[in-house]
Amino acid sequence: MATAYIVDAFRTAGGRRNGRLAGVHPVDLAAASLDALITRTGVDPAAVEDVIMGCVTQAGQQAGQVGRNSVLASKLLPQSTPAVTIDRQCGSSQQAIQFAAQAVMSGVQDVVIAAGIESMTRVPMGTSAMFHMKEGLGHYKSPGLEAKYPGVMWSQFMGAEMIVKKHGFTKDDLDRFALTSHQRAIAATKAGAFADEIVPIDIETPDGPAQHTVDEGIRWDATLESIAGVKLLQEGGALTAASSSQICDGSSAALVVSEAALKRYNLTPMARIHTLTVTAGDPVIMLEEPLFATDKALARAGLSIGDIDLYEVNEAFASVPMAWLKHTGADPERLNVNGGAIALGHPLGASGTKLMSTLLHALKARGGKYGLQTMCEGGGVANVTIVEMV
């Protein structure tokens, strides 16, 4: 089987809801990451055989095959470049990486871009379902699904709270984890750790044209007291907005190629794809599946958790990576070392390639060998991708 390599991966700095990226159409925001990837890797744009783009809320400005529209809006990719848009919920663009790798490993394609986009300002989360329900056009829960799961309303918030109770976490535990996310993001930003992975985006501000280059969600003055003071998401629960991922606008992209393409286009890879895994489990607790997906991925890879130098576990809610740490026995000092979605934001369909860009650049900076990325996803699904630096 052929080997799939990641040449590089880039992301935009996160934009808060109604923040600095609110004025950028999601198609153009995605196109900016695609163009940055082409420019910085130096790959021939005509060599790109497919663009696989993750996007969760495919409605409004993200409707009409946003992946293809982003290619057409690109300044560098020719209109002959095909594209597809996929939805595996929060793991959409991580799945894009895995689909791209599968295409390369099978020998079907040599140069594929995996990417993601989500403007949660312009296309609010849930729009694709809520709009139709409000208009009386039906509900996604079918009679057959209701028969199997009677009375169950799928809720990531409820799933996250179920994890809190199951694993015995306290609100103080969650708040302290959230504070660490901000502290690490602050330290990484001040140290310039994100400089090589962030794509500058031209924006308009009240003071004139500018470039967006710093993650907007970081709370620079965060303290345990300020985080602890945020109101609960639900009565009797433990999670708050401060211990949950931030609504975010952003895009990201990664270039996945074969060994033949490395030689043909004189490309230098950052890493090879070592292991690809996706699993599914309980759709009610929903967000716990990364724990079990990691077990399967490590067994398939022939590695232990101690062999992995850095982990990126999406901070959808603080309880998810905390449960993952408890289950795997992983070293917390290797987890989300530059902060996570609690501080940096979670642009849904863009988060998969966003986390991969952070993982690869952090491994490079630290001289690490193996990295593991996993995401909790709606429906009780989880992806795990293990990479090996080269």
Protein backbone atom coordinates (compact mmCIF):
# COMPACT_ATOMS: atom_id res chain seq x y z
CA MET A 1 0.00 0.00 0.00
CA ALA A 2 1.27 3.47 -0.88
CA THR A 3 2.18 5.99 1.82
CA ALA A 4 0.26 9.26 2.22
CA TYR A 5 2.21 12.33 3.30
CA ILE A 6 1.07 15.70 4.64
CA VAL A 7 3.23 18.39 3.05
CA ASP A 8 1.84 21.19 5.19
CA ALA A 9 -1.33 22.43 6.86
CA PHE A 10 -2.59 25.94 7.52
CA ARG A 11 -5.49 27.64 9.26
CA THR A 12 -6.94 31.06 9.75
CA ALA A 13 -6.84 32.64 13.17
CA GLY A 14 -10.19 32.09 14.83
CA GLY A 15 -12.79 34.83 14.65
CA ARG A 16 -15.35 35.33 17.41
CA ARG A 17 -19.06 35.45 16.60
CA ASN A 18 -19.74 38.84 14.98
CA GLY A 19 -16.03 39.51 15.28
CA ARG A 20 -13.16 40.29 12.93
CA LEU A 21 -14.03 37.63 10.32
CA ALA A 22 -17.75 38.37 10.28
CA GLY A 23 -17.37 40.49 7.15
CA VAL A 24 -15.83 37.67 5.11
CA HIS A 25 -18.06 35.35 3.10
CA PRO A 26 -17.35 31.70 4.01
CA VAL A 27 -16.60 30.80 0.39
CA ASP A 28 -13.89 33.47 0.27
CA LEU A 29 -12.62 32.50 3.72
CA ALA A 30 -12.18 28.90 2.56
CA ALA A 31 -10.58 30.01 -0.69
CA ALA A 32 -7.98 31.99 1.27
CA SER A 33 -6.78 28.82 3.02
CA LEU A 34 -6.67 26.93 -0.27
CA ASP A 35 -4.59 29.67 -1.90
CA ALA A 36 -2.23 29.86 1.07
CA LEU A 37 -1.68 26.13 0.86
CA ILE A 38 -0.82 26.32 -2.84
CA THR A 39 1.46 29.32 -2.36
CA ARG A 40 3.40 28.05 0.65
CA THR A 41 3.88 24.47 -0.53
CA GLY A 42 4.70 25.49 -4.10
CA VAL A 43 2.66 22.63 -5.57
CA ASP A 44 1.42 23.08 -9.12
CA PRO A 45 -2.27 24.10 -8.80
CA ALA A 46 -3.11 22.07 -11.87
CA ALA A 47 -1.77 18.95 -10.12
CA VAL A 48 -4.50 19.01 -7.43
CA GLU A 49 -6.83 16.13 -8.26
CA ASP A 50 -9.53 16.82 -5.69
CA VAL A 51 -10.49 19.14 -2.84
CA ILE A 52 -12.37 17.47 0.01
CA MET A 53 -13.94 20.10 2.24
CA GLY A 54 -15.61 19.60 5.59
CA CYS A 55 -18.57 21.80 6.48
CA VAL A 56 -21.27 21.05 9.04
CA THR A 57 -23.97 23.65 8.42
CA GLN A 58 -24.47 23.43 4.67
CA ALA A 59 -27.10 26.12 4.39
CA GLY A 60 -27.33 29.74 3.30
CA GLN A 61 -23.90 31.05 2.38
CA GLN A 62 -22.45 27.56 2.89
CA ALA A 63 -25.02 25.86 0.65
CA GLY A 64 -24.66 24.97 -3.01
CA GLN A 65 -21.56 22.75 -2.54
CA VAL A 66 -19.33 25.14 -0.62
CA GLY A 67 -16.23 23.07 -1.43
CA ARG A 68 -16.67 23.53 -5.16
CA ASN A 69 -17.60 27.20 -4.74
CA SER A 70 -14.43 27.76 -2.72
CA VAL A 71 -12.34 26.28 -5.53
CA LEU A 72 -14.08 28.56 -8.02
CA ALA A 73 -13.41 31.56 -5.74
CA SER A 74 -9.74 30.60 -5.42
CA LYS A 75 -7.21 32.87 -7.12
CA LEU A 76 -4.89 29.96 -7.89
CA LEU A 77 -6.82 26.73 -8.43
CA PRO A 78 -8.12 26.23 -11.99
CA GLN A 79 -11.83 25.67 -12.53
CA SER A 80 -10.99 22.15 -13.66
CA THR A 81 -10.21 21.23 -10.01
CA PRO A 82 -13.00 19.03 -8.63
CA ALA A 83 -14.27 19.35 -5.07
CA VAL A 84 -16.72 17.73 -2.69
CA THR A 85 -18.25 18.85 0.59
CA ILE A 86 -18.64 16.35 3.44
CA ASP A 87 -20.31 16.34 6.83
CA ARG A 88 -19.09 14.14 9.65
CA GLN A 89 -20.19 16.79 12.13
CA CYS A 90 -17.29 18.27 14.12
CA GLY A 91 -14.87 15.77 12.57
CA SER A 92 -15.72 16.77 9.00
CA SER A 93 -12.32 18.09 7.94
CA GLN A 94 -10.46 15.43 9.93
CA GLN A 95 -12.45 12.97 7.85
CA ALA A 96 -11.43 15.02 4.80
CA ILE A 97 -7.80 14.30 5.71
CA GLN A 98 -8.59 10.61 6.07
CA PHE A 99 -10.47 10.45 2.76
CA ALA A 100 -7.58 12.27 1.06
CA ALA A 101 -5.10 9.83 2.60
CA GLN A 102 -7.22 6.87 1.52
CA ALA A 103 -7.27 8.15 -2.06
CA VAL A 104 -3.48 8.45 -2.05
CA MET A 105 -2.85 5.16 -0.24
CA SER A 106 -5.08 3.30 -2.69
CA GLY A 107 -3.10 4.68 -5.62
CA VAL A 108 -6.14 6.38 -7.14
CA GLN A 109 -4.84 9.94 -6.68
CA ASP A 110 -1.51 11.61 -5.94
CA VAL A 111 -2.35 15.17 -4.86
CA VAL A 112 -5.43 15.95 -2.76
CA ILE A 113 -6.34 18.92 -0.58
CA ALA A 114 -8.27 18.29 2.63
CA ALA A 115 -9.93 21.43 3.97
CA GLY A 116 -12.67 22.82 6.15
CA ILE A 117 -14.85 25.90 6.51
CA GLU A 118 -17.38 27.21 9.00
CA SER A 119 -18.59 30.76 9.43
CA MET A 120 -20.69 30.38 12.54
CA THR A 121 -21.51 34.07 12.42
CA ARG A 122 -22.99 34.02 8.92
CA VAL A 123 -24.43 30.49 9.08
CA PRO A 124 -25.40 29.85 12.71
CA MET A 125 -25.07 26.34 14.10
CA GLY A 126 -28.22 24.30 13.54
CA THR A 127 -29.57 26.50 10.76
CA SER A 128 -29.94 23.62 8.33
CA ALA A 129 -32.29 21.79 10.70
CA MET A 130 -34.00 24.58 12.63
CA PHE A 131 -35.07 26.59 9.59
CA HIS A 132 -36.91 23.65 8.08
CA MET A 133 -38.56 22.75 11.38
CA LYS A 134 -39.76 26.32 11.87
CA GLU A 135 -41.18 26.32 8.36
CA GLY A 136 -43.06 23.10 9.03
CA LEU A 137 -40.92 21.09 6.62
CA GLY A 138 -40.26 18.22 8.99
CA HIS A 139 -37.76 16.94 11.55
CA TYR A 140 -34.60 14.92 10.98
CA LYS A 141 -35.75 12.29 13.48
CA SER A 142 -37.69 9.76 11.44
CA PRO A 143 -40.37 7.36 12.70
CA GLY A 144 -37.85 4.53 12.41
CA LEU A 145 -35.29 6.41 14.45
CA GLU A 146 -37.91 7.34 17.05
CA ALA A 147 -38.88 3.67 17.36
CA LYS A 148 -35.27 2.75 18.20
CA TYR A 149 -34.62 5.75 20.47
CA PRO A 150 -38.05 6.74 21.85
CA GLY A 151 -38.20 10.17 23.40
CA VAL A 152 -34.49 10.79 22.95
CA MET A 153 -33.49 14.24 21.71
CA TRP A 154 -29.89 14.26 20.54
CA SER A 155 -27.99 16.89 22.48
CA GLN A 156 -24.26 17.41 22.71
CA PHE A 157 -24.81 19.55 25.80
CA MET A 158 -26.60 16.70 27.55
CA GLY A 159 -23.93 14.25 26.40
CA ALA A 160 -21.18 16.46 27.80
CA GLU A 161 -22.97 16.67 31.15
CA MET A 162 -23.45 12.89 31.16
CA ILE A 163 -19.67 12.53 30.79
CA VAL A 164 -19.16 14.88 33.76
CA LYS A 165 -21.34 12.70 35.96
CA LYS A 166 -20.03 9.37 34.65
CA HIS A 167 -16.39 10.29 35.27
CA GLY A 168 -16.95 12.13 38.53
CA PHE A 169 -15.73 15.58 37.52
CA THR A 170 -16.60 18.70 39.48
CA LYS A 171 -17.31 22.17 38.18
CA ASP A 172 -13.99 23.29 39.64
CA ASP A 173 -12.21 20.55 37.64
CA LEU A 174 -13.83 21.83 34.45
CA ASP A 175 -13.06 25.47 35.23
CA ARG A 176 -9.40 24.72 35.93
CA PHE A 177 -9.11 22.84 32.64
CA ALA A 178 -10.63 25.83 30.83
CA LEU A 179 -8.17 28.21 32.47
CA THR A 180 -5.27 26.02 31.35
CA SER A 181 -6.54 26.18 27.77
CA HIS A 182 -6.42 29.97 27.84
CA GLN A 183 -3.06 30.08 29.59
CA ARG A 184 -1.51 27.79 27.01
CA ALA A 185 -3.05 29.73 24.12
CA ILE A 186 -1.74 32.99 25.56
CA ALA A 187 1.76 31.57 26.01
CA ALA A 188 1.77 30.11 22.49
CA THR A 189 0.58 33.36 20.92
CA LYS A 190 3.14 35.46 22.77
CA ALA A 191 5.90 33.02 21.77
CA GLY A 192 4.90 33.12 18.09
CA ALA A 193 4.06 29.41 18.09
CA PHE A 194 1.17 29.93 15.65
CA ALA A 195 3.05 32.15 13.21
CA ASP A 196 3.81 29.39 10.69
CA GLU A 197 0.34 27.85 10.73
CA ILE A 198 -1.87 30.95 10.48
CA VAL A 199 -3.02 32.35 7.14
CA PRO A 200 -3.39 36.16 7.31
CA ILE A 201 -6.87 37.26 6.21
CA ASP A 202 -7.50 40.74 4.84
CA ILE A 203 -10.38 42.38 6.71
CA GLU A 204 -12.06 45.76 7.07
CA THR A 205 -12.16 47.35 10.52
CA PRO A 206 -13.54 50.66 11.82
CA ASP A 207 -9.94 51.90 11.62
CA GLY A 208 -9.45 50.76 8.04
CA PRO A 209 -7.99 47.71 6.28
CA ALA A 210 -6.13 45.20 8.44
CA GLN A 211 -5.05 41.58 8.59
CA HIS A 212 -6.51 39.04 10.96
CA THR A 213 -3.65 36.98 12.39
CA VAL A 214 -4.42 36.44 16.10
CA ASP A 215 -7.04 34.09 17.53
CA GLU A 216 -9.79 36.38 18.71
CA GLY A 217 -11.32 34.11 21.34
CA ILE A 218 -8.40 34.08 23.75
CA ARG A 219 -9.32 35.67 27.07
CA TRP A 220 -6.09 37.43 27.91
CA ASP A 221 -7.29 38.37 31.39
CA ALA A 222 -8.76 34.96 32.26
CA THR A 223 -8.59 33.92 35.90
CA LEU A 224 -10.10 31.01 37.76
CA GLU A 225 -12.44 33.46 39.47
CA SER A 226 -13.70 34.96 36.19
CA ILE A 227 -14.22 31.53 34.63
CA ALA A 228 -15.95 30.20 37.75
CA GLY A 229 -18.35 33.14 37.67
CA VAL A 230 -19.91 32.24 34.30
CA LYS A 231 -23.46 30.92 34.61
CA LEU A 232 -24.25 27.24 34.12
CA LEU A 233 -25.50 26.02 30.75
CA GLN A 234 -28.25 24.10 32.50
CA GLU A 235 -29.59 24.02 36.04
CA GLY A 236 -27.95 21.31 38.08
CA GLY A 237 -25.13 20.90 35.58
CA ALA A 238 -21.45 21.72 35.80
CA LEU A 239 -20.54 23.08 32.37
CA THR A 240 -20.63 26.74 31.40
CA ALA A 241 -19.83 28.69 28.25
CA ALA A 242 -16.37 29.21 29.75
CA SER A 243 -15.67 25.47 29.92
CA SER A 244 -17.07 24.83 26.43
CA SER A 245 -15.70 25.49 22.97
CA GLN A 246 -16.23 28.93 21.52
CA ILE A 247 -18.41 29.68 18.52
CA CYS A 248 -15.89 30.54 15.83
CA ASP A 249 -15.40 31.56 12.21
CA GLY A 250 -12.49 29.96 10.39
CA SER A 251 -11.06 27.85 7.58
CA SER A 252 -8.15 25.44 7.25
CA ALA A 253 -6.45 23.21 4.69
CA ALA A 254 -3.83 20.46 4.38
CA LEU A 255 -2.00 19.06 1.34
CA VAL A 256 -1.93 15.25 1.17
CA VAL A 257 0.27 13.62 -1.47
CA SER A 258 1.90 10.37 -2.56
CA GLU A 259 5.63 9.62 -2.58
CA ALA A 260 5.58 9.93 -6.35
CA ALA A 261 4.12 13.43 -6.07
CA LEU A 262 6.82 14.43 -3.58
CA LYS A 263 9.45 13.66 -6.20
CA ARG A 264 7.52 14.97 -9.20
CA TYR A 265 6.77 18.38 -7.66
CA ASN A 266 9.87 18.65 -5.43
CA LEU A 267 7.81 18.80 -2.24
CA THR A 268 9.13 18.34 1.30
CA PRO A 269 6.69 16.54 3.62
CA MET A 270 6.13 17.31 7.29
CA ALA A 271 4.67 13.94 8.21
CA ARG A 272 3.32 10.66 6.95
CA ILE A 273 -0.11 9.36 7.80
CA HIS A 274 0.57 6.44 10.14
CA THR A 275 -2.91 5.28 11.15
CA LEU A 276 -6.49 6.15 10.20
CA THR A 277 -9.40 5.14 12.42
CA VAL A 278 -13.07 6.00 12.73
CA THR A 279 -15.50 4.35 15.16
CA ALA A 280 -19.03 4.84 16.43
CA GLY A 281 -20.76 4.13 19.72
CA ASP A 282 -23.50 5.40 22.00
CA PRO A 283 -25.34 8.26 20.24
CA VAL A 284 -26.88 9.53 23.47
CA ILE A 285 -23.80 10.19 25.58
CA MET A 286 -22.40 10.89 22.12
CA LEU A 287 -19.13 12.66 22.88
CA GLU A 288 -17.34 9.84 24.71
CA GLU A 289 -16.38 7.89 21.58
CA PRO A 290 -12.83 9.39 21.22
CA LEU A 291 -11.84 7.30 24.27
CA PHE A 292 -12.64 4.01 22.57
CA ALA A 293 -11.55 5.13 19.11
CA THR A 294 -8.13 5.91 20.57
CA ASP A 295 -7.88 2.41 22.04
CA LYS A 296 -8.57 0.93 18.60
CA ALA A 297 -6.20 3.30 16.80
CA LEU A 298 -3.29 2.58 19.14
CA ALA A 299 -3.84 -1.17 18.88
CA ARG A 300 -3.94 -0.93 15.09
CA ALA A 301 -0.79 1.22 15.06
CA GLY A 302 1.09 -1.08 17.42
CA LEU A 303 1.80 1.88 19.69
CA SER A 304 1.10 2.74 23.32
CA ILE A 305 -0.17 6.10 24.51
CA GLY A 306 3.31 6.73 25.92
CA ASP A 307 4.78 6.49 22.41
CA ILE A 308 2.79 9.52 21.30
CA ASP A 309 4.62 12.82 21.75
CA LEU A 310 1.65 15.19 21.43
CA TYR A 311 -2.13 14.82 21.39
CA GLU A 312 -4.80 17.13 20.01
CA VAL A 313 -8.17 16.23 21.52
CA ASN A 314 -10.85 18.70 20.55
CA GLU A 315 -12.14 20.72 23.50
CA ALA A 316 -15.78 20.66 22.47
CA PHE A 317 -16.46 20.66 26.20
CA ALA A 318 -13.86 20.39 28.94
CA SER A 319 -15.33 17.07 30.06
CA VAL A 320 -14.36 15.37 26.75
CA PRO A 321 -10.55 15.72 26.85
CA MET A 322 -10.63 15.27 30.62
CA ALA A 323 -12.40 11.92 30.22
CA TRP A 324 -9.98 11.02 27.43
CA LEU A 325 -7.01 11.70 29.71
CA LYS A 326 -8.53 9.63 32.50
CA HIS A 327 -9.34 6.72 30.20
CA THR A 328 -6.05 6.57 28.31
CA GLY A 329 -3.68 7.49 31.13
CA ALA A 330 -2.10 10.02 28.81
CA ASP A 331 0.29 12.71 30.03
CA PRO A 332 -1.70 15.96 30.43
CA GLU A 333 1.45 17.95 29.62
CA ARG A 334 1.32 16.55 26.06
CA LEU A 335 -2.34 17.41 25.51
CA ASN A 336 -3.37 20.51 23.53
CA VAL A 337 -0.05 22.11 24.41
CA ASN A 338 -0.92 25.39 22.67
CA GLY A 339 -4.44 25.59 24.01
CA GLY A 340 -7.62 24.18 22.54
CA ALA A 341 -11.09 25.10 21.35
CA ILE A 342 -12.07 26.55 24.73
CA ALA A 343 -9.60 29.36 24.08
CA LEU A 344 -9.06 29.25 20.33
CA GLY A 345 -12.56 28.44 19.08
CA HIS A 346 -14.22 25.50 17.33
CA PRO A 347 -15.22 26.37 13.76
CA LEU A 348 -17.05 23.04 13.37
CA GLY A 349 -16.28 21.83 9.84
CA ALA A 350 -12.88 23.54 9.84
CA SER A 351 -11.68 22.16 13.17
CA GLY A 352 -10.26 18.88 11.86
CA THR A 353 -7.64 20.39 9.56
CA LYS A 354 -7.22 23.25 12.05
CA LEU A 355 -6.16 20.84 14.79
CA MET A 356 -3.94 18.96 12.37
CA SER A 357 -2.13 22.17 11.44
CA THR A 358 -1.53 22.93 15.12
CA LEU A 359 -0.43 19.37 15.86
CA LEU A 360 2.09 19.24 13.01
CA HIS A 361 3.65 22.62 13.73
CA ALA A 362 3.84 21.87 17.47
CA LEU A 363 5.53 18.52 16.78
CA LYS A 364 8.00 20.26 14.47
CA ALA A 365 8.80 22.92 17.08
CA ARG A 366 9.37 20.31 19.79
CA GLY A 367 11.17 17.72 17.70
CA GLY A 368 8.45 15.14 18.35
CA LYS A 369 7.89 12.01 16.29
CA TYR A 370 4.31 10.84 16.75
CA GLY A 371 1.14 12.91 17.04
CA LEU A 372 -2.45 11.81 17.66
CA GLN A 373 -5.57 13.79 16.83
CA THR A 374 -9.13 12.91 17.77
CA MET A 375 -12.52 14.58 17.69
CA CYS A 376 -15.86 13.86 19.30
CA GLU A 377 -18.66 14.07 16.76
CA GLY A 378 -22.43 14.21 16.67
CA GLY A 379 -24.10 10.82 16.62
CA GLY A 380 -21.47 9.15 18.79
CA VAL A 381 -18.75 8.99 16.12
CA ALA A 382 -15.02 9.74 16.50
CA ASN A 383 -12.03 9.96 14.19
CA VAL A 384 -8.44 9.27 15.24
CA THR A 385 -5.49 10.14 13.02
CA ILE A 386 -1.92 9.26 13.99
CA VAL A 387 0.92 10.98 12.13
CA GLU A 388 4.66 10.38 12.14
CA MET A 389 7.00 13.29 11.47
CA VAL A 390 9.55 12.79 8.71
